[in-house]
Amino acid sequence: MFVTTLIAFFLAEMGDKTQLATVALAARFADLPSVVAGTTAGLLLADAPVVWLGDVPSRRLPMTWLHRGRRC
């Protein structure tokens, strides 16, 4: 489950404004590992609460209801 989430996270975030900002910061500052670590930590801090909050309905509601709600 973790690896699936990790891959989905990577594909969803690929090519968005956050990655463009990371490239711009990496071009400006010489310490590439710190830039990558900082932007990754920022994304995780922003996305983790949403993932945890999304887990609550998935445990309490029938999956068919959640799938129908996604199509709206």
PDB file of N, CA and C in Angstrom:
ATOM      1  N   MET A   1       0.824  -1.191   0.000  1.00  0.00           N
ATOM      2  CA  MET A   1       0.000   0.000   0.000  1.00  0.00           C
ATOM      3  C   MET A   1       0.873   1.262   0.000  1.00  0.00           C
ATOM      4  N   PHE A   2       1.932   1.279   0.782  1.00  0.00           N
ATOM      5  CA  PHE A   2       2.806   2.446   0.846  1.00  0.00           C
ATOM      6  C   PHE A   2       3.464   2.707  -0.495  1.00  0.00           C
ATOM      7  N   VAL A   3       3.951   1.653  -1.133  1.00  0.00           N
ATOM      8  CA  VAL A   3       4.633   1.820  -2.424  1.00  0.00           C
ATOM      9  C   VAL A   3       3.646   2.317  -3.474  1.00  0.00           C
ATOM     10  N   THR A   4       2.424   1.802  -3.463  1.00  0.00           N
ATOM     11  CA  THR A   4       1.399   2.260  -4.397  1.00  0.00           C
ATOM     12  C   THR A   4       1.113   3.740  -4.194  1.00  0.00           C
ATOM     13  N   THR A   5       0.989   4.163  -2.939  1.00  0.00           N
ATOM     14  CA  THR A   5       0.752   5.569  -2.626  1.00  0.00           C
ATOM     15  C   THR A   5       1.932   6.424  -3.057  1.00  0.00           C
ATOM     16  N   LEU A   6       3.132   5.934  -2.832  1.00  0.00           N
ATOM     17  CA  LEU A   6       4.332   6.669  -3.210  1.00  0.00           C
ATOM     18  C   LEU A   6       4.391   6.885  -4.725  1.00  0.00           C
ATOM     19  N   ILE A   7       4.097   5.846  -5.482  1.00  0.00           N
ATOM     20  CA  ILE A   7       4.114   5.946  -6.941  1.00  0.00           C
ATOM     21  C   ILE A   7       3.007   6.888  -7.421  1.00  0.00           C
ATOM     22  N   ALA A   8       1.805   6.759  -6.849  1.00  0.00           N
ATOM     23  CA  ALA A   8       0.698   7.642  -7.236  1.00  0.00           C
ATOM     24  C   ALA A   8       1.012   9.092  -6.901  1.00  0.00           C
ATOM     25  N   PHE A   9       1.625   9.324  -5.753  1.00  0.00           N
ATOM     26  CA  PHE A   9       2.024  10.674  -5.349  1.00  0.00           C
ATOM     27  C   PHE A   9       3.029  11.252  -6.340  1.00  0.00           C
ATOM     28  N   PHE A  10       3.994  10.456  -6.710  1.00  0.00           N
ATOM     29  CA  PHE A  10       5.008  10.917  -7.659  1.00  0.00           C
ATOM     30  C   PHE A  10       4.386  11.254  -9.014  1.00  0.00           C
ATOM     31  N   LEU A  11       3.511  10.392  -9.513  1.00  0.00           N
ATOM     32  CA  LEU A  11       2.894  10.637 -10.818  1.00  0.00           C
ATOM     33  C   LEU A  11       1.950  11.836 -10.779  1.00  0.00           C
ATOM     34  N   ALA A  12       1.231  12.017  -9.676  1.00  0.00           N
ATOM     35  CA  ALA A  12       0.298  13.135  -9.568  1.00  0.00           C
ATOM     36  C   ALA A  12       1.028  14.471  -9.483  1.00  0.00           C
ATOM     37  N   GLU A  13       2.173  14.477  -8.857  1.00  0.00           N
ATOM     38  CA  GLU A  13       2.917  15.717  -8.662  1.00  0.00           C
ATOM     39  C   GLU A  13       3.905  16.015  -9.790  1.00  0.00           C
ATOM     40  N   MET A  14       4.061  15.088 -10.722  1.00  0.00           N
ATOM     41  CA  MET A  14       5.061  15.246 -11.773  1.00  0.00           C
ATOM     42  C   MET A  14       4.674  16.393 -12.714  1.00  0.00           C
ATOM     43  N   GLY A  15       5.565  17.363 -12.846  1.00  0.00           N
ATOM     44  CA  GLY A  15       5.347  18.454 -13.778  1.00  0.00           C
ATOM     45  C   GLY A  15       4.460  19.566 -13.282  1.00  0.00           C
ATOM     46  N   ASP A  16       4.145  19.620 -12.004  1.00  0.00           N
ATOM     47  CA  ASP A  16       3.315  20.706 -11.509  1.00  0.00           C
ATOM     48  C   ASP A  16       4.177  21.891 -11.072  1.00  0.00           C
ATOM     49  N   LYS A  17       3.529  22.921 -10.556  1.00  0.00           N
ATOM     50  CA  LYS A  17       4.249  24.141 -10.187  1.00  0.00           C
ATOM     51  C   LYS A  17       5.267  23.903  -9.074  1.00  0.00           C
ATOM     52  N   THR A  18       5.010  22.954  -8.213  1.00  0.00           N
ATOM     53  CA  THR A  18       5.951  22.682  -7.126  1.00  0.00           C
ATOM     54  C   THR A  18       7.273  22.167  -7.679  1.00  0.00           C
ATOM     55  N   GLN A  19       7.211  21.286  -8.650  1.00  0.00           N
ATOM     56  CA  GLN A  19       8.444  20.784  -9.233  1.00  0.00           C
ATOM     57  C   GLN A  19       9.166  21.868 -10.024  1.00  0.00           C
ATOM     58  N   LEU A  20       8.418  22.740 -10.667  1.00  0.00           N
ATOM     59  CA  LEU A  20       9.063  23.855 -11.371  1.00  0.00           C
ATOM     60  C   LEU A  20       9.743  24.791 -10.375  1.00  0.00           C
ATOM     61  N   ALA A  21       9.109  25.020  -9.227  1.00  0.00           N
ATOM     62  CA  ALA A  21       9.728  25.842  -8.184  1.00  0.00           C
ATOM     63  C   ALA A  21      10.977  25.167  -7.634  1.00  0.00           C
ATOM     64  N   THR A  22      10.944  23.847  -7.501  1.00  0.00           N
ATOM     65  CA  THR A  22      12.115  23.106  -7.026  1.00  0.00           C
ATOM     66  C   THR A  22      13.276  23.266  -7.998  1.00  0.00           C
ATOM     67  N   VAL A  23      12.989  23.191  -9.280  1.00  0.00           N
ATOM     68  CA  VAL A  23      14.035  23.362 -10.287  1.00  0.00           C
ATOM     69  C   VAL A  23      14.612  24.772 -10.212  1.00  0.00           C
ATOM     70  N   ALA A  24      13.739  25.765 -10.052  1.00  0.00           N
ATOM     71  CA  ALA A  24      14.205  27.152  -9.965  1.00  0.00           C
ATOM     72  C   ALA A  24      15.075  27.359  -8.716  1.00  0.00           C
ATOM     73  N   LEU A  25      14.649  26.797  -7.582  1.00  0.00           N
ATOM     74  CA  LEU A  25      15.451  26.909  -6.357  1.00  0.00           C
ATOM     75  C   LEU A  25      16.782  26.186  -6.502  1.00  0.00           C
ATOM     76  N   ALA A  26      16.744  25.021  -7.132  1.00  0.00           N
ATOM     77  CA  ALA A  26      17.986  24.264  -7.319  1.00  0.00           C
ATOM     78  C   ALA A  26      18.957  25.012  -8.227  1.00  0.00           C
ATOM     79  N   ALA A  27      18.428  25.768  -9.181  1.00  0.00           N
ATOM     80  CA  ALA A  27      19.300  26.554 -10.054  1.00  0.00           C
ATOM     81  C   ALA A  27      19.902  27.747  -9.318  1.00  0.00           C
ATOM     82  N   ARG A  28      19.151  28.258  -8.339  1.00  0.00           N
ATOM     83  CA  ARG A  28      19.632  29.438  -7.609  1.00  0.00           C
ATOM     84  C   ARG A  28      20.596  29.080  -6.485  1.00  0.00           C
ATOM     85  N   PHE A  29      20.322  27.991  -5.781  1.00  0.00           N
ATOM     86  CA  PHE A  29      21.150  27.593  -4.648  1.00  0.00           C
ATOM     87  C   PHE A  29      21.964  26.358  -5.002  1.00  0.00           C
ATOM     88  N   ALA A  30      23.184  26.311  -4.532  1.00  0.00           N
ATOM     89  CA  ALA A  30      24.099  25.229  -4.913  1.00  0.00           C
ATOM     90  C   ALA A  30      23.845  23.930  -4.158  1.00  0.00           C
ATOM     91  N   ASP A  31      23.123  23.991  -3.046  1.00  0.00           N
ATOM     92  CA  ASP A  31      22.940  22.802  -2.206  1.00  0.00           C
ATOM     93  C   ASP A  31      21.691  22.028  -2.646  1.00  0.00           C
ATOM     94  N   LEU A  32      21.824  21.264  -3.713  1.00  0.00           N
ATOM     95  CA  LEU A  32      20.701  20.530  -4.295  1.00  0.00           C
ATOM     96  C   LEU A  32      20.013  19.583  -3.311  1.00  0.00           C
ATOM     97  N   PRO A  33      20.747  18.780  -2.515  1.00  0.00           N
ATOM     98  CA  PRO A  33      20.061  17.882  -1.579  1.00  0.00           C
ATOM     99  C   PRO A  33      19.167  18.623  -0.579  1.00  0.00           C
ATOM    100  N   SER A  34      19.601  19.777  -0.123  1.00  0.00           N
ATOM    101  CA  SER A  34      18.776  20.550   0.817  1.00  0.00           C
ATOM    102  C   SER A  34      17.517  21.085   0.141  1.00  0.00           C
ATOM    103  N   VAL A  35      17.650  21.531  -1.095  1.00  0.00           N
ATOM    104  CA  VAL A  35      16.484  22.030  -1.830  1.00  0.00           C
ATOM    105  C   VAL A  35      15.474  20.908  -2.037  1.00  0.00           C
ATOM    106  N   VAL A  36      15.937  19.759  -2.478  1.00  0.00           N
ATOM    107  CA  VAL A  36      15.044  18.619  -2.716  1.00  0.00           C
ATOM    108  C   VAL A  36      14.407  18.148  -1.405  1.00  0.00           C
ATOM    109  N   ALA A  37      15.197  18.072  -0.348  1.00  0.00           N
ATOM    110  CA  ALA A  37      14.659  17.646   0.951  1.00  0.00           C
ATOM    111  C   ALA A  37      13.611  18.639   1.456  1.00  0.00           C
ATOM    112  N   GLY A  38      13.877  19.922   1.297  1.00  0.00           N
ATOM    113  CA  GLY A  38      12.928  20.935   1.762  1.00  0.00           C
ATOM    114  C   GLY A  38      11.622  20.924   0.995  1.00  0.00           C
ATOM    115  N   THR A  39      11.695  20.820  -0.316  1.00  0.00           N
ATOM    116  CA  THR A  39      10.463  20.801  -1.097  1.00  0.00           C
ATOM    117  C   THR A  39       9.680  19.503  -0.885  1.00  0.00           C
ATOM    118  N   THR A  40      10.391  18.400  -0.714  1.00  0.00           N
ATOM    119  CA  THR A  40       9.714  17.132  -0.433  1.00  0.00           C
ATOM    120  C   THR A  40       9.029  17.182   0.923  1.00  0.00           C
ATOM    121  N   ALA A  41       9.708  17.719   1.926  1.00  0.00           N
ATOM    122  CA  ALA A  41       9.103  17.849   3.257  1.00  0.00           C
ATOM    123  C   ALA A  41       7.872  18.755   3.198  1.00  0.00           C
ATOM    124  N   GLY A  42       7.954  19.832   2.441  1.00  0.00           N
ATOM    125  CA  GLY A  42       6.802  20.718   2.301  1.00  0.00           C
ATOM    126  C   GLY A  42       5.612  20.032   1.659  1.00  0.00           C
ATOM    127  N   LEU A  43       5.859  19.259   0.617  1.00  0.00           N
ATOM    128  CA  LEU A  43       4.768  18.512  -0.027  1.00  0.00           C
ATOM    129  C   LEU A  43       4.157  17.487   0.920  1.00  0.00           C
ATOM    130  N   LEU A  44       5.000  16.794   1.660  1.00  0.00           N
ATOM    131  CA  LEU A  44       4.484  15.797   2.599  1.00  0.00           C
ATOM    132  C   LEU A  44       3.670  16.444   3.704  1.00  0.00           C
ATOM    133  N   LEU A  45       4.124  17.587   4.208  1.00  0.00           N
ATOM    134  CA  LEU A  45       3.370  18.291   5.245  1.00  0.00           C
ATOM    135  C   LEU A  45       2.024  18.782   4.721  1.00  0.00           C
ATOM    136  N   ALA A  46       1.973  19.155   3.468  1.00  0.00           N
ATOM    137  CA  ALA A  46       0.717  19.623   2.887  1.00  0.00           C
ATOM    138  C   ALA A  46      -0.222  18.472   2.528  1.00  0.00           C
ATOM    139  N   ASP A  47       0.331  17.358   2.070  1.00  0.00           N
ATOM    140  CA  ASP A  47      -0.494  16.250   1.584  1.00  0.00           C
ATOM    141  C   ASP A  47      -0.867  15.227   2.657  1.00  0.00           C
ATOM    142  N   ALA A  48      -0.041  15.052   3.662  1.00  0.00           N
ATOM    143  CA  ALA A  48      -0.295  14.013   4.670  1.00  0.00           C
ATOM    144  C   ALA A  48      -1.635  14.178   5.379  1.00  0.00           C
ATOM    145  N   PRO A  49      -2.006  15.374   5.838  1.00  0.00           N
ATOM    146  CA  PRO A  49      -3.319  15.484   6.498  1.00  0.00           C
ATOM    147  C   PRO A  49      -4.482  15.117   5.588  1.00  0.00           C
ATOM    148  N   VAL A  50      -4.381  15.441   4.305  1.00  0.00           N
ATOM    149  CA  VAL A  50      -5.447  15.100   3.362  1.00  0.00           C
ATOM    150  C   VAL A  50      -5.558  13.588   3.201  1.00  0.00           C
ATOM    151  N   VAL A  51      -4.419  12.920   3.131  1.00  0.00           N
ATOM    152  CA  VAL A  51      -4.430  11.458   3.011  1.00  0.00           C
ATOM    153  C   VAL A  51      -5.045  10.834   4.259  1.00  0.00           C
ATOM    154  N   TRP A  52      -4.638  11.322   5.418  1.00  0.00           N
ATOM    155  CA  TRP A  52      -5.200  10.772   6.658  1.00  0.00           C
ATOM    156  C   TRP A  52      -6.696  11.057   6.779  1.00  0.00           C
ATOM    157  N   LEU A  53      -7.131  12.254   6.398  1.00  0.00           N
ATOM    158  CA  LEU A  53      -8.557  12.572   6.447  1.00  0.00           C
ATOM    159  C   LEU A  53      -9.349  11.766   5.421  1.00  0.00           C
ATOM    160  N   GLY A  54      -8.755  11.466   4.300  1.00  0.00           N
ATOM    161  CA  GLY A  54      -9.425  10.641   3.298  1.00  0.00           C
ATOM    162  C   GLY A  54      -9.543   9.189   3.705  1.00  0.00           C
ATOM    163  N   ASP A  55      -8.697   8.766   4.628  1.00  0.00           N
ATOM    164  CA  ASP A  55      -8.741   7.392   5.103  1.00  0.00           C
ATOM    165  C   ASP A  55      -9.968   7.140   5.974  1.00  0.00           C
ATOM    166  N   VAL A  56     -10.442   8.159   6.666  1.00  0.00           N
ATOM    167  CA  VAL A  56     -11.578   7.988   7.579  1.00  0.00           C
ATOM    168  C   VAL A  56     -12.839   7.554   6.827  1.00  0.00           C
ATOM    169  N   PRO A  57     -13.276   8.286   5.793  1.00  0.00           N
ATOM    170  CA  PRO A  57     -14.476   7.821   5.085  1.00  0.00           C
ATOM    171  C   PRO A  57     -14.291   6.468   4.407  1.00  0.00           C
ATOM    172  N   SER A  58     -13.074   6.189   3.956  1.00  0.00           N
ATOM    173  CA  SER A  58     -12.866   4.912   3.265  1.00  0.00           C
ATOM    174  C   SER A  58     -13.021   3.727   4.210  1.00  0.00           C
ATOM    175  N   ARG A  59     -12.859   3.942   5.482  1.00  0.00           N
ATOM    176  CA  ARG A  59     -13.050   2.855   6.453  1.00  0.00           C
ATOM    177  C   ARG A  59     -14.496   2.751   6.923  1.00  0.00           C
ATOM    178  N   ARG A  60     -15.270   3.840   6.802  1.00  0.00           N
ATOM    179  CA  ARG A  60     -16.619   3.858   7.369  1.00  0.00           C
ATOM    180  C   ARG A  60     -17.731   3.755   6.332  1.00  0.00           C
ATOM    181  N   LEU A  61     -17.459   4.127   5.104  1.00  0.00           N
ATOM    182  CA  LEU A  61     -18.488   4.105   4.070  1.00  0.00           C
ATOM    183  C   LEU A  61     -18.232   2.963   3.093  1.00  0.00           C
ATOM    184  N   PRO A  62     -19.309   2.446   2.505  1.00  0.00           N
ATOM    185  CA  PRO A  62     -19.108   1.409   1.481  1.00  0.00           C
ATOM    186  C   PRO A  62     -18.306   1.966   0.301  1.00  0.00           C
ATOM    187  N   MET A  63     -17.423   1.179  -0.218  1.00  0.00           N
ATOM    188  CA  MET A  63     -16.546   1.616  -1.297  1.00  0.00           C
ATOM    189  C   MET A  63     -17.339   2.016  -2.545  1.00  0.00           C
ATOM    190  N   THR A  64     -18.482   1.393  -2.793  1.00  0.00           N
ATOM    191  CA  THR A  64     -19.288   1.763  -3.963  1.00  0.00           C
ATOM    192  C   THR A  64     -19.782   3.204  -3.847  1.00  0.00           C
ATOM    193  N   TRP A  65     -20.096   3.665  -2.637  1.00  0.00           N
ATOM    194  CA  TRP A  65     -20.521   5.061  -2.449  1.00  0.00           C
ATOM    195  C   TRP A  65     -19.378   6.007  -2.784  1.00  0.00           C
ATOM    196  N   LEU A  66     -18.185   5.665  -2.327  1.00  0.00           N
ATOM    197  CA  LEU A  66     -17.035   6.521  -2.577  1.00  0.00           C
ATOM    198  C   LEU A  66     -16.689   6.579  -4.062  1.00  0.00           C
ATOM    199  N   HIS A  67     -16.829   5.465  -4.753  1.00  0.00           N
ATOM    200  CA  HIS A  67     -16.556   5.448  -6.188  1.00  0.00           C
ATOM    201  C   HIS A  67     -17.567   6.290  -6.947  1.00  0.00           C
ATOM    202  N   ARG A  68     -18.834   6.226  -6.535  1.00  0.00           N
ATOM    203  CA  ARG A  68     -19.868   7.056  -7.189  1.00  0.00           C
ATOM    204  C   ARG A  68     -19.593   8.531  -6.947  1.00  0.00           C
ATOM    205  N   GLY A  69     -19.175   8.899  -5.759  1.00  0.00           N
ATOM    206  CA  GLY A  69     -18.891  10.292  -5.432  1.00  0.00           C
ATOM    207  C   GLY A  69     -17.702  10.837  -6.199  1.00  0.00           C
ATOM    208  N   ARG A  70     -16.777   9.996  -6.563  1.00  0.00           N
ATOM    209  CA  ARG A  70     -15.592  10.411  -7.306  1.00  0.00           C
ATOM    210  C   ARG A  70     -15.940  10.815  -8.725  1.00  0.00           C
ATOM    211  N   ARG A  71     -16.966  10.225  -9.299  1.00  0.00           N
ATOM    212  CA  ARG A  71     -17.326  10.499 -10.689  1.00  0.00           C
ATOM    213  C   ARG A  71     -18.059  11.822 -10.857  1.00  0.00           C
ATOM    214  N   CYS A  72     -18.502  12.423  -9.796  1.00  0.00           N
ATOM    215  CA  CYS A  72     -19.284  13.667  -9.897  1.00  0.00           C
ATOM    216  C   CYS A  72     -18.448  14.827 -10.349  1.00  0.00           C
TER     217      CYS A  72
END
